[in-house]
N, C-alpha and C. Protein backbone atom coordinates (compact mmCIF):
# COMPACT_ATOMS: atom_id res chain seq x y z
N MET A 1 -19.71 175.17 272.28
CA MET A 1 -20.49 174.09 271.71
C MET A 1 -21.50 174.65 270.65
N THR A 2 -21.40 174.04 269.42
CA THR A 2 -22.33 174.44 268.38
C THR A 2 -23.71 173.74 268.58
N PRO A 3 -24.66 174.43 268.09
CA PRO A 3 -26.11 173.89 268.32
C PRO A 3 -26.21 172.58 267.61
N SER A 4 -25.39 172.27 266.53
CA SER A 4 -25.65 171.10 265.76
C SER A 4 -25.09 169.76 266.29
N MET A 5 -24.34 169.88 267.45
CA MET A 5 -23.73 168.65 268.02
C MET A 5 -23.42 168.86 269.44
N ASP A 6 -23.40 167.64 270.14
CA ASP A 6 -22.96 167.64 271.54
C ASP A 6 -21.49 167.18 271.56
N ILE A 7 -20.68 167.68 272.41
CA ILE A 7 -19.27 167.41 272.43
C ILE A 7 -18.85 166.99 273.80
N ARG A 8 -18.08 165.97 273.93
CA ARG A 8 -17.42 165.72 275.26
C ARG A 8 -16.00 165.24 275.03
N GLU A 9 -15.13 165.56 276.00
CA GLU A 9 -13.75 165.10 276.00
C GLU A 9 -13.72 163.67 276.51
N LEU A 10 -12.98 162.85 275.90
CA LEU A 10 -12.82 161.51 276.39
C LEU A 10 -11.90 161.34 277.62
N GLY A 11 -11.73 160.20 278.13
CA GLY A 11 -10.82 159.96 279.23
C GLY A 11 -9.39 160.19 278.97
N ILE A 12 -9.06 160.52 277.71
CA ILE A 12 -7.72 160.86 277.35
C ILE A 12 -7.70 162.27 276.78
N ALA A 13 -6.82 163.11 277.37
CA ALA A 13 -6.75 164.48 276.89
C ALA A 13 -6.53 164.61 275.43
N ASP A 14 -7.09 165.60 274.75
CA ASP A 14 -6.91 165.88 273.28
C ASP A 14 -7.61 164.89 272.42
N ALA A 15 -8.59 164.16 272.99
CA ALA A 15 -9.52 163.35 272.12
C ALA A 15 -10.92 163.63 272.50
N TYR A 16 -11.75 163.83 271.51
CA TYR A 16 -13.16 164.21 271.76
C TYR A 16 -14.19 163.43 270.95
N GLU A 17 -15.31 163.31 271.58
CA GLU A 17 -16.48 162.65 270.90
C GLU A 17 -17.48 163.69 270.52
N PHE A 18 -18.02 163.54 269.24
CA PHE A 18 -18.98 164.49 268.77
C PHE A 18 -20.23 163.70 268.39
N THR A 19 -21.38 164.08 268.91
CA THR A 19 -22.61 163.45 268.68
C THR A 19 -23.51 164.53 267.95
N PRO A 20 -23.76 164.28 266.71
CA PRO A 20 -24.53 165.29 265.91
C PRO A 20 -26.06 165.23 266.18
N ARG A 21 -26.70 166.29 265.95
CA ARG A 21 -28.12 166.36 265.99
C ARG A 21 -28.70 165.87 264.69
N LEU A 22 -29.53 164.78 264.81
CA LEU A 22 -30.06 164.14 263.62
C LEU A 22 -31.41 164.75 263.28
N HIS A 23 -31.56 165.16 262.01
CA HIS A 23 -32.82 165.77 261.55
C HIS A 23 -33.49 164.77 260.60
N GLN A 24 -34.56 164.12 261.05
CA GLN A 24 -35.20 163.08 260.22
C GLN A 24 -36.71 163.38 260.00
N ASP A 25 -37.10 163.07 258.80
CA ASP A 25 -38.50 163.13 258.38
C ASP A 25 -38.79 162.11 257.35
N GLU A 26 -39.86 162.18 256.66
CA GLU A 26 -40.28 161.20 255.65
C GLU A 26 -39.27 161.15 254.41
N ARG A 27 -38.48 162.17 254.30
CA ARG A 27 -37.50 162.26 253.24
C ARG A 27 -36.30 161.51 253.53
N GLY A 28 -35.97 161.42 254.81
CA GLY A 28 -34.71 160.70 255.27
C GLY A 28 -34.06 161.46 256.35
N LEU A 29 -32.68 161.64 256.29
CA LEU A 29 -31.91 162.12 257.35
C LEU A 29 -30.90 163.18 256.89
N PHE A 30 -30.76 164.22 257.78
CA PHE A 30 -29.75 165.14 257.51
C PHE A 30 -28.99 165.42 258.86
N LEU A 31 -27.64 165.59 258.79
CA LEU A 31 -26.81 165.89 259.96
C LEU A 31 -25.58 166.63 259.56
N GLU A 32 -25.05 167.37 260.41
CA GLU A 32 -23.60 168.05 260.24
C GLU A 32 -22.66 167.20 260.98
N TRP A 33 -21.79 166.42 260.43
CA TRP A 33 -20.93 165.47 261.09
C TRP A 33 -19.59 166.09 261.43
N TYR A 34 -19.27 167.19 260.74
CA TYR A 34 -18.05 167.87 261.05
C TYR A 34 -18.27 169.41 260.83
N ARG A 35 -17.76 170.21 261.84
CA ARG A 35 -17.82 171.66 261.71
C ARG A 35 -16.51 172.18 262.24
N ILE A 36 -15.79 173.10 261.48
CA ILE A 36 -14.51 173.62 261.82
C ILE A 36 -14.69 174.48 263.07
N ASP A 37 -15.76 175.21 263.25
CA ASP A 37 -15.89 175.99 264.50
C ASP A 37 -16.00 175.15 265.81
N SER A 38 -16.40 173.97 265.72
CA SER A 38 -16.49 173.06 266.89
C SER A 38 -15.10 172.77 267.37
N LEU A 39 -14.20 172.45 266.40
CA LEU A 39 -12.83 172.23 266.78
C LEU A 39 -12.08 173.50 267.21
N GLN A 40 -12.35 174.62 266.58
CA GLN A 40 -11.73 175.86 266.95
C GLN A 40 -12.14 176.26 268.36
N ASP A 41 -13.35 175.99 268.69
CA ASP A 41 -13.77 176.31 270.13
C ASP A 41 -13.03 175.42 271.09
N LEU A 42 -12.80 174.20 270.77
CA LEU A 42 -12.17 173.26 271.68
C LEU A 42 -10.67 173.32 271.68
N ARG A 43 -10.10 173.47 270.47
CA ARG A 43 -8.67 173.31 270.34
C ARG A 43 -7.92 174.62 270.09
N GLY A 44 -8.68 175.68 269.78
CA GLY A 44 -7.98 176.92 269.34
C GLY A 44 -7.54 176.93 267.89
N HIS A 45 -7.87 175.82 267.17
CA HIS A 45 -7.57 175.73 265.73
C HIS A 45 -8.45 174.66 265.09
N GLY A 46 -8.63 174.74 263.82
CA GLY A 46 -9.38 173.76 263.11
C GLY A 46 -8.63 172.61 262.71
N LEU A 47 -9.13 171.88 261.70
CA LEU A 47 -8.44 170.80 261.12
C LEU A 47 -7.96 171.24 259.62
N ASP A 48 -6.57 171.20 259.58
CA ASP A 48 -6.10 171.57 258.25
C ASP A 48 -6.09 170.32 257.32
N LEU A 49 -7.28 170.16 256.66
CA LEU A 49 -7.53 168.96 255.91
C LEU A 49 -6.53 168.74 254.76
N ARG A 50 -5.78 167.65 254.88
CA ARG A 50 -4.81 167.35 253.76
C ARG A 50 -5.13 166.03 253.04
N GLN A 51 -5.92 165.20 253.67
CA GLN A 51 -6.18 163.88 253.09
C GLN A 51 -7.55 163.35 253.72
N ALA A 52 -8.34 162.68 252.87
CA ALA A 52 -9.54 161.96 253.37
C ALA A 52 -9.52 160.53 252.97
N ASN A 53 -9.60 159.59 254.00
CA ASN A 53 -9.57 158.16 253.71
C ASN A 53 -10.89 157.52 253.89
N CYS A 54 -11.13 156.33 253.36
CA CYS A 54 -12.25 155.57 253.59
C CYS A 54 -11.88 154.14 253.65
N SER A 55 -12.25 153.33 254.61
CA SER A 55 -12.05 151.87 254.67
C SER A 55 -13.28 151.16 254.91
N VAL A 56 -13.38 150.04 254.21
CA VAL A 56 -14.48 149.06 254.43
C VAL A 56 -13.94 147.80 254.94
N SER A 57 -14.57 147.32 256.09
CA SER A 57 -14.02 146.19 256.83
C SER A 57 -15.07 145.13 256.98
N ALA A 58 -14.71 143.84 256.96
CA ALA A 58 -15.54 142.77 257.42
C ALA A 58 -15.64 142.69 258.95
N SER A 59 -16.59 142.09 259.45
CA SER A 59 -16.83 142.00 260.89
C SER A 59 -15.57 141.36 261.56
N GLY A 60 -15.03 141.97 262.56
CA GLY A 60 -13.91 141.30 263.31
C GLY A 60 -12.57 141.86 262.87
N VAL A 61 -12.57 142.66 261.81
CA VAL A 61 -11.27 143.23 261.40
C VAL A 61 -10.80 144.37 262.32
N ILE A 62 -9.54 144.26 262.68
CA ILE A 62 -8.99 145.31 263.53
C ILE A 62 -7.97 146.05 262.60
N ARG A 63 -8.00 147.33 262.76
CA ARG A 63 -7.12 148.28 262.00
C ARG A 63 -6.39 149.13 263.07
N GLY A 64 -5.11 149.06 263.24
CA GLY A 64 -4.43 149.80 264.26
C GLY A 64 -3.69 148.80 265.18
N ILE A 65 -2.99 149.50 266.11
CA ILE A 65 -2.97 150.88 266.62
C ILE A 65 -2.00 151.71 265.75
N HIS A 66 -2.41 152.77 265.18
CA HIS A 66 -1.59 153.57 264.24
C HIS A 66 -1.35 154.95 264.84
N SER A 67 -0.16 155.50 264.54
CA SER A 67 0.07 156.88 264.84
C SER A 67 1.19 157.36 263.91
N ALA A 68 1.76 158.60 264.14
CA ALA A 68 2.71 159.18 263.28
C ALA A 68 3.62 160.15 264.17
N THR A 69 4.88 160.27 263.75
CA THR A 69 5.79 161.12 264.44
C THR A 69 5.36 162.53 264.46
N VAL A 70 5.56 163.17 265.73
CA VAL A 70 5.15 164.57 265.94
C VAL A 70 6.46 165.33 266.18
N PRO A 71 6.56 166.55 265.49
CA PRO A 71 5.69 167.05 264.51
C PRO A 71 5.95 166.41 263.18
N PRO A 72 4.99 166.48 262.15
CA PRO A 72 3.68 167.10 262.33
C PRO A 72 2.60 166.16 262.81
N GLY A 73 2.90 164.84 262.94
CA GLY A 73 1.88 163.83 263.35
C GLY A 73 0.76 163.79 262.31
N GLN A 74 -0.35 163.31 262.74
CA GLN A 74 -1.61 163.30 261.83
C GLN A 74 -2.79 163.24 262.81
N ALA A 75 -3.50 164.33 262.91
CA ALA A 75 -4.72 164.39 263.65
C ALA A 75 -5.85 163.75 262.68
N LYS A 76 -6.83 163.10 263.34
CA LYS A 76 -7.82 162.48 262.50
C LYS A 76 -9.27 162.86 263.14
N TYR A 77 -10.24 162.97 262.19
CA TYR A 77 -11.60 163.18 262.55
C TYR A 77 -12.35 161.98 261.92
N VAL A 78 -12.86 161.10 262.72
CA VAL A 78 -13.35 159.87 262.23
C VAL A 78 -14.85 159.51 262.48
N THR A 79 -15.54 159.06 261.50
CA THR A 79 -16.91 158.57 261.70
C THR A 79 -17.12 157.34 260.81
N CYS A 80 -18.20 156.63 261.22
CA CYS A 80 -18.59 155.36 260.57
C CYS A 80 -19.88 155.64 259.67
N LEU A 81 -19.86 155.51 258.38
CA LEU A 81 -20.89 155.88 257.54
C LEU A 81 -21.89 154.73 257.44
N SER A 82 -21.39 153.50 257.58
CA SER A 82 -22.31 152.33 257.39
C SER A 82 -21.83 151.25 258.30
N GLY A 83 -22.76 150.60 259.04
CA GLY A 83 -22.40 149.55 259.94
C GLY A 83 -21.95 150.21 261.29
N ALA A 84 -21.04 149.44 261.88
CA ALA A 84 -20.63 149.85 263.30
C ALA A 84 -19.20 149.39 263.56
N VAL A 85 -18.45 150.22 264.28
CA VAL A 85 -17.15 149.92 264.78
C VAL A 85 -16.96 150.25 266.17
N LEU A 86 -16.05 149.59 266.90
CA LEU A 86 -15.63 150.02 268.25
C LEU A 86 -14.31 150.73 268.03
N ASP A 87 -14.35 152.10 268.16
CA ASP A 87 -13.15 152.93 267.93
C ASP A 87 -12.38 153.09 269.23
N VAL A 88 -11.02 153.01 269.16
CA VAL A 88 -10.19 153.01 270.29
C VAL A 88 -9.09 154.14 270.12
N VAL A 89 -8.95 154.91 271.16
CA VAL A 89 -7.92 155.97 271.27
C VAL A 89 -6.97 155.49 272.29
N VAL A 90 -5.65 155.53 272.08
CA VAL A 90 -4.61 155.05 273.05
C VAL A 90 -3.63 156.22 273.24
N ASP A 91 -3.38 156.58 274.54
CA ASP A 91 -2.47 157.58 274.75
C ASP A 91 -1.05 157.02 274.81
N ILE A 92 -0.23 157.32 273.82
CA ILE A 92 1.10 156.76 273.72
C ILE A 92 2.17 157.77 273.81
N ARG A 93 1.75 158.96 274.35
CA ARG A 93 2.63 160.10 274.45
C ARG A 93 3.44 159.98 275.80
N ILE A 94 4.69 159.77 275.59
CA ILE A 94 5.64 159.71 276.85
C ILE A 94 5.53 160.82 277.68
N GLY A 95 5.25 160.66 278.98
CA GLY A 95 5.16 161.77 279.85
C GLY A 95 3.78 162.25 280.14
N SER A 96 2.76 161.80 279.33
CA SER A 96 1.36 162.14 279.54
C SER A 96 0.81 161.61 280.78
N PRO A 97 -0.05 162.33 281.58
CA PRO A 97 -0.68 161.79 282.73
C PRO A 97 -1.48 160.51 282.56
N THR A 98 -1.86 160.29 281.27
CA THR A 98 -2.73 159.11 280.91
C THR A 98 -1.97 158.19 280.00
N PHE A 99 -0.67 158.20 280.03
CA PHE A 99 0.12 157.36 279.11
C PHE A 99 -0.21 155.85 279.26
N GLY A 100 -0.46 155.25 278.21
CA GLY A 100 -0.83 153.78 278.23
C GLY A 100 -2.27 153.51 278.41
N ARG A 101 -3.04 154.51 278.66
CA ARG A 101 -4.57 154.36 278.82
C ARG A 101 -5.14 154.34 277.50
N TRP A 102 -6.39 153.73 277.42
CA TRP A 102 -7.19 153.65 276.17
C TRP A 102 -8.58 153.94 276.46
N HIS A 103 -9.36 154.41 275.40
CA HIS A 103 -10.81 154.77 275.60
C HIS A 103 -11.49 154.35 274.31
N THR A 104 -12.64 153.77 274.45
CA THR A 104 -13.47 153.31 273.35
C THR A 104 -14.69 154.18 273.11
N VAL A 105 -15.09 154.25 271.87
CA VAL A 105 -16.36 154.87 271.45
C VAL A 105 -16.95 154.06 270.34
N ARG A 106 -18.23 153.75 270.45
CA ARG A 106 -18.91 153.08 269.40
C ARG A 106 -19.31 154.07 268.36
N LEU A 107 -18.88 153.82 267.09
CA LEU A 107 -19.21 154.71 265.99
C LEU A 107 -20.13 153.84 265.07
N ASP A 108 -21.28 154.40 264.66
CA ASP A 108 -22.26 153.57 263.82
C ASP A 108 -23.09 154.46 263.00
N ASP A 109 -23.93 153.82 262.22
CA ASP A 109 -24.82 154.56 261.37
C ASP A 109 -26.17 154.81 261.97
N ALA A 110 -26.24 154.70 263.35
CA ALA A 110 -27.49 155.07 264.04
C ALA A 110 -27.36 156.41 264.77
N ASP A 111 -26.38 156.52 265.63
CA ASP A 111 -26.14 157.75 266.41
C ASP A 111 -25.24 158.70 265.58
N ARG A 112 -24.45 158.11 264.64
CA ARG A 112 -23.61 158.91 263.72
C ARG A 112 -22.54 159.79 264.50
N ARG A 113 -22.04 159.21 265.57
CA ARG A 113 -20.96 159.91 266.29
C ARG A 113 -19.67 159.95 265.41
N ALA A 114 -18.85 160.97 265.85
CA ALA A 114 -17.51 161.08 265.31
C ALA A 114 -16.57 161.25 266.44
N ILE A 115 -15.29 161.00 266.21
CA ILE A 115 -14.24 161.38 267.19
C ILE A 115 -13.11 162.14 266.61
N TYR A 116 -12.47 163.00 267.39
CA TYR A 116 -11.26 163.70 266.96
C TYR A 116 -10.09 163.11 267.81
N VAL A 117 -9.04 162.79 267.07
CA VAL A 117 -7.85 162.17 267.67
C VAL A 117 -6.70 163.05 267.41
N ALA A 118 -6.15 163.73 268.35
CA ALA A 118 -5.07 164.76 268.15
C ALA A 118 -3.76 164.06 267.76
N GLU A 119 -2.83 164.87 267.27
CA GLU A 119 -1.56 164.43 266.82
C GLU A 119 -0.91 163.68 268.04
N GLY A 120 -0.20 162.63 267.73
CA GLY A 120 0.57 161.92 268.93
C GLY A 120 -0.20 160.81 269.51
N LEU A 121 -1.50 160.79 269.43
CA LEU A 121 -2.31 159.76 270.04
C LEU A 121 -2.37 158.49 269.08
N GLY A 122 -2.59 157.29 269.69
CA GLY A 122 -2.76 156.08 268.87
C GLY A 122 -4.20 155.84 268.54
N HIS A 123 -4.41 155.31 267.38
CA HIS A 123 -5.81 155.10 266.91
C HIS A 123 -6.04 153.71 266.36
N ALA A 124 -7.12 153.05 266.76
CA ALA A 124 -7.41 151.84 266.13
C ALA A 124 -9.00 151.59 266.14
N PHE A 125 -9.45 150.57 265.49
CA PHE A 125 -10.83 150.17 265.66
C PHE A 125 -11.01 148.78 265.29
N VAL A 126 -12.11 148.11 265.65
CA VAL A 126 -12.44 146.83 265.17
C VAL A 126 -13.93 146.90 264.58
N ALA A 127 -14.12 146.26 263.49
CA ALA A 127 -15.41 146.26 262.85
C ALA A 127 -16.39 145.43 263.58
N LEU A 128 -17.49 145.85 263.90
CA LEU A 128 -18.59 145.08 264.58
C LEU A 128 -19.58 144.49 263.68
N THR A 129 -19.55 145.00 262.39
CA THR A 129 -20.56 144.48 261.39
C THR A 129 -19.73 144.25 260.07
N ASP A 130 -20.22 143.43 259.15
CA ASP A 130 -19.79 143.30 257.82
C ASP A 130 -19.94 144.57 257.05
N GLY A 131 -18.96 145.04 256.32
CA GLY A 131 -19.10 146.19 255.43
C GLY A 131 -18.97 147.46 256.29
N ALA A 132 -18.45 147.49 257.43
CA ALA A 132 -18.36 148.72 258.26
C ALA A 132 -17.52 149.69 257.49
N THR A 133 -18.03 150.86 257.14
CA THR A 133 -17.41 151.85 256.45
C THR A 133 -17.02 153.05 257.21
N VAL A 134 -15.75 153.24 257.29
CA VAL A 134 -15.25 154.32 258.23
C VAL A 134 -14.53 155.33 257.34
N THR A 135 -14.74 156.59 257.55
CA THR A 135 -14.10 157.70 256.82
C THR A 135 -13.27 158.58 257.83
N TYR A 136 -12.09 159.02 257.42
CA TYR A 136 -11.24 159.83 258.21
C TYR A 136 -10.87 161.14 257.52
N LEU A 137 -10.98 162.23 258.20
CA LEU A 137 -10.36 163.47 257.72
C LEU A 137 -9.07 163.62 258.38
N CYS A 138 -7.98 163.85 257.66
CA CYS A 138 -6.63 163.79 258.28
C CYS A 138 -5.99 165.13 258.04
N SER A 139 -5.13 165.58 259.02
CA SER A 139 -4.44 166.83 258.99
C SER A 139 -3.13 166.81 258.19
N GLU A 140 -2.68 165.61 257.85
CA GLU A 140 -1.46 165.37 257.01
C GLU A 140 -1.68 164.27 256.10
N VAL A 141 -0.92 164.27 255.02
CA VAL A 141 -0.97 163.14 254.08
C VAL A 141 -0.20 162.05 254.66
N TYR A 142 -0.53 160.86 254.22
CA TYR A 142 0.13 159.58 254.70
C TYR A 142 1.64 159.64 254.30
N SER A 143 2.49 159.38 255.27
CA SER A 143 3.89 159.34 254.98
C SER A 143 4.47 158.06 255.58
N PRO A 144 4.83 157.04 254.84
CA PRO A 144 5.35 155.80 255.40
C PRO A 144 6.51 155.95 256.35
N SER A 145 7.33 156.94 256.08
CA SER A 145 8.51 157.12 256.88
C SER A 145 8.28 157.70 258.23
N ARG A 146 7.03 158.32 258.36
CA ARG A 146 6.66 158.88 259.77
C ARG A 146 5.62 158.00 260.48
N GLU A 147 4.92 157.13 259.79
CA GLU A 147 3.94 156.32 260.43
C GLU A 147 4.55 155.18 261.15
N PHE A 148 3.89 154.73 262.30
CA PHE A 148 4.35 153.54 263.02
C PHE A 148 3.14 153.01 263.63
N GLY A 149 3.23 151.67 264.09
CA GLY A 149 2.14 151.05 264.75
C GLY A 149 2.52 150.44 266.03
N ILE A 150 1.51 150.10 266.82
CA ILE A 150 1.76 149.45 268.10
C ILE A 150 0.87 148.12 268.09
N ASP A 151 1.33 147.03 268.59
CA ASP A 151 0.58 145.78 268.68
C ASP A 151 -0.74 146.04 269.29
N PRO A 152 -1.84 145.76 268.59
CA PRO A 152 -3.18 145.93 269.18
C PRO A 152 -3.47 144.89 270.30
N PHE A 153 -2.70 143.89 270.49
CA PHE A 153 -2.88 142.91 271.50
C PHE A 153 -1.92 143.04 272.60
N ASP A 154 -1.08 144.14 272.67
CA ASP A 154 -0.03 144.27 273.66
C ASP A 154 -0.77 144.23 275.07
N PRO A 155 -0.38 143.20 275.92
CA PRO A 155 -1.01 143.11 277.24
C PRO A 155 -0.78 144.32 278.22
N GLU A 156 0.30 145.08 277.91
CA GLU A 156 0.55 146.19 278.75
C GLU A 156 -0.52 147.26 278.43
N ILE A 157 -1.08 147.37 277.33
CA ILE A 157 -2.12 148.34 277.01
C ILE A 157 -3.39 147.65 277.46
N GLY A 158 -3.73 146.44 277.08
CA GLY A 158 -4.75 145.62 277.57
C GLY A 158 -6.17 146.01 276.95
N ILE A 159 -6.18 146.46 275.71
CA ILE A 159 -7.47 146.72 275.08
C ILE A 159 -8.42 145.51 275.16
N GLU A 160 -9.68 145.79 275.44
CA GLU A 160 -10.63 144.73 275.69
C GLU A 160 -11.40 144.62 274.33
N TRP A 161 -10.89 143.86 273.40
CA TRP A 161 -11.54 143.67 272.10
C TRP A 161 -12.80 142.76 272.28
N PRO A 162 -13.77 142.82 271.47
CA PRO A 162 -14.99 142.06 271.63
C PRO A 162 -14.73 140.61 271.81
N ALA A 163 -15.24 139.99 272.90
CA ALA A 163 -15.04 138.60 273.18
C ALA A 163 -15.92 137.71 272.29
N GLY A 164 -15.43 136.62 271.94
CA GLY A 164 -16.16 135.66 271.07
C GLY A 164 -16.13 135.93 269.64
N SER A 165 -15.40 137.00 269.22
CA SER A 165 -15.37 137.38 267.81
C SER A 165 -14.17 136.80 267.13
N GLN A 166 -14.35 136.47 265.91
CA GLN A 166 -13.20 136.03 265.02
C GLN A 166 -12.41 137.31 264.59
N LEU A 167 -11.33 137.68 265.19
CA LEU A 167 -10.57 138.82 264.96
C LEU A 167 -9.54 138.69 263.81
N THR A 168 -9.48 139.66 262.93
CA THR A 168 -8.52 139.56 261.87
C THR A 168 -7.59 140.79 261.88
N VAL A 169 -6.35 140.57 261.76
CA VAL A 169 -5.40 141.70 261.78
C VAL A 169 -4.43 141.54 260.68
N SER A 170 -4.05 142.61 260.06
CA SER A 170 -3.15 142.53 258.91
C SER A 170 -1.77 142.04 259.40
N PRO A 171 -0.93 141.49 258.55
CA PRO A 171 0.41 141.04 258.90
C PRO A 171 1.24 142.20 259.42
N LYS A 172 1.07 143.36 258.88
CA LYS A 172 1.84 144.54 259.23
C LYS A 172 1.45 144.95 260.69
N ASP A 173 0.15 144.98 261.08
CA ASP A 173 -0.21 145.30 262.36
C ASP A 173 0.11 144.22 263.42
N ARG A 174 0.02 142.96 262.99
CA ARG A 174 0.33 141.85 263.93
C ARG A 174 1.88 141.90 264.24
N ALA A 175 2.66 142.36 263.30
CA ALA A 175 4.13 142.45 263.58
C ALA A 175 4.56 143.78 264.26
N ALA A 176 3.62 144.59 264.58
CA ALA A 176 4.02 145.92 265.18
C ALA A 176 4.56 145.59 266.60
N PRO A 177 5.45 146.49 267.08
CA PRO A 177 6.05 146.29 268.33
C PRO A 177 5.10 146.58 269.54
N SER A 178 5.52 146.10 270.68
CA SER A 178 4.73 146.43 271.88
C SER A 178 4.96 147.92 272.27
N LEU A 179 4.14 148.35 273.21
CA LEU A 179 4.35 149.74 273.66
C LEU A 179 5.78 149.93 274.21
N ALA A 180 6.29 148.95 274.99
CA ALA A 180 7.48 149.00 275.62
C ALA A 180 8.64 149.04 274.55
N ALA A 181 8.44 148.15 273.56
CA ALA A 181 9.50 148.02 272.46
C ALA A 181 9.49 149.34 271.71
N ALA A 182 8.31 149.88 271.48
CA ALA A 182 8.33 151.16 270.60
C ALA A 182 8.94 152.24 271.47
N ARG A 183 8.72 152.31 272.77
CA ARG A 183 9.35 153.30 273.65
C ARG A 183 10.85 153.17 273.61
N ASP A 184 11.29 152.02 273.77
CA ASP A 184 12.85 151.72 273.74
C ASP A 184 13.36 152.05 272.34
N ALA A 185 12.70 151.89 271.27
CA ALA A 185 13.16 152.09 269.95
C ALA A 185 13.09 153.69 269.59
N GLY A 186 12.55 154.50 270.52
CA GLY A 186 12.39 155.88 270.18
C GLY A 186 11.28 156.27 269.33
N LEU A 187 10.33 155.47 269.14
CA LEU A 187 9.14 155.70 268.16
C LEU A 187 8.13 156.59 268.80
N LEU A 188 7.92 156.54 270.07
CA LEU A 188 6.75 157.20 270.68
C LEU A 188 6.96 158.69 270.79
N PRO A 189 5.89 159.46 270.61
CA PRO A 189 5.99 160.90 270.75
C PRO A 189 6.16 161.27 272.16
N ASP A 190 6.73 162.53 272.40
CA ASP A 190 6.87 162.99 273.73
C ASP A 190 5.68 163.99 274.02
N TYR A 191 5.09 163.91 275.23
CA TYR A 191 3.94 164.62 275.54
C TYR A 191 4.23 166.11 275.48
N GLY A 192 5.45 166.57 276.04
CA GLY A 192 5.78 167.89 276.00
C GLY A 192 5.97 168.49 274.60
N VAL A 193 6.50 167.67 273.75
CA VAL A 193 6.64 168.09 272.37
C VAL A 193 5.26 168.20 271.64
N CYS A 194 4.36 167.29 271.90
CA CYS A 194 3.02 167.34 271.42
C CYS A 194 2.29 168.60 271.89
N ARG A 195 2.47 168.93 273.19
CA ARG A 195 1.72 170.12 273.63
C ARG A 195 2.29 171.41 273.07
N GLU A 196 3.64 171.38 272.84
CA GLU A 196 4.19 172.59 272.14
C GLU A 196 3.66 172.68 270.70
N TYR A 197 3.53 171.57 270.06
CA TYR A 197 2.99 171.62 268.68
C TYR A 197 1.50 171.99 268.65
N TYR A 198 0.69 171.60 269.57
CA TYR A 198 -0.63 172.03 269.68
C TYR A 198 -0.68 173.58 269.90
N ALA A 199 0.21 174.08 270.74
CA ALA A 199 0.25 175.53 270.99
C ALA A 199 0.64 176.24 269.66
N ALA A 200 1.60 175.66 268.99
CA ALA A 200 1.93 176.33 267.67
C ALA A 200 0.77 176.36 266.69
N LEU A 201 0.01 175.27 266.64
CA LEU A 201 -1.13 175.28 265.80
C LEU A 201 -2.17 176.44 266.14
N ARG A 202 -2.34 176.61 267.46
CA ARG A 202 -3.23 177.65 267.94
C ARG A 202 -2.66 179.03 267.58
N SER A 203 -1.39 179.24 267.66
CA SER A 203 -0.78 180.52 267.42
C SER A 203 -0.92 180.81 265.84
N GLU A 204 -0.68 179.73 265.04
CA GLU A 204 -0.92 179.93 263.61
C GLU A 204 -2.31 180.31 263.24
N SER A 205 -3.28 179.65 263.90
CA SER A 205 -4.71 179.91 263.60
C SER A 205 -5.10 181.38 263.95
N ASN A 206 -4.50 181.94 265.01
CA ASN A 206 -4.81 183.21 265.51
C ASN A 206 -3.99 184.32 264.99
N ALA A 207 -2.98 183.91 264.06
CA ALA A 207 -2.12 184.98 263.51
C ALA A 207 -2.85 185.81 262.53
């Protein structure tokens, strides 16, 4: 654990929450929201940064559930720069002990938490405020041929989205298959293959 942040593993293996130490005075605020050594201590490798994304969402907008074929998949390090979102990690790896489970973390501009989502996991969030600004560091560039989605309202997964909110989903995400349909179509990553890929990343890092 680095002195600049507290780290905990979520209820799904290979996903982590990072809570940075905030340094505030009359001038404003400073924090370290990402450190490669934090990931190296946890994973045995850092994040090979290939792309950085930023999304701005109105309150109630859902983005996801998104993932990508492994290998290489796409690991993400995510934080909310302005406003607040409820971030969701879903284990969609066939054969995983926590297959089908999900875990939420509130990301906002108060605590400044971030999460790491390993390759093969599903990721989504819902904006809790207007103008919620989320930034992602990604281990691979976006590739439409490798990306796929899962229905965020799939009852088999059962994500508890905020009640009483006007939820908005893109046509693409609304048309995404259920977890069962994605499994039958061969879209979902295999847990064993993912673990082998994580091990290969560690070996490359230590070479």
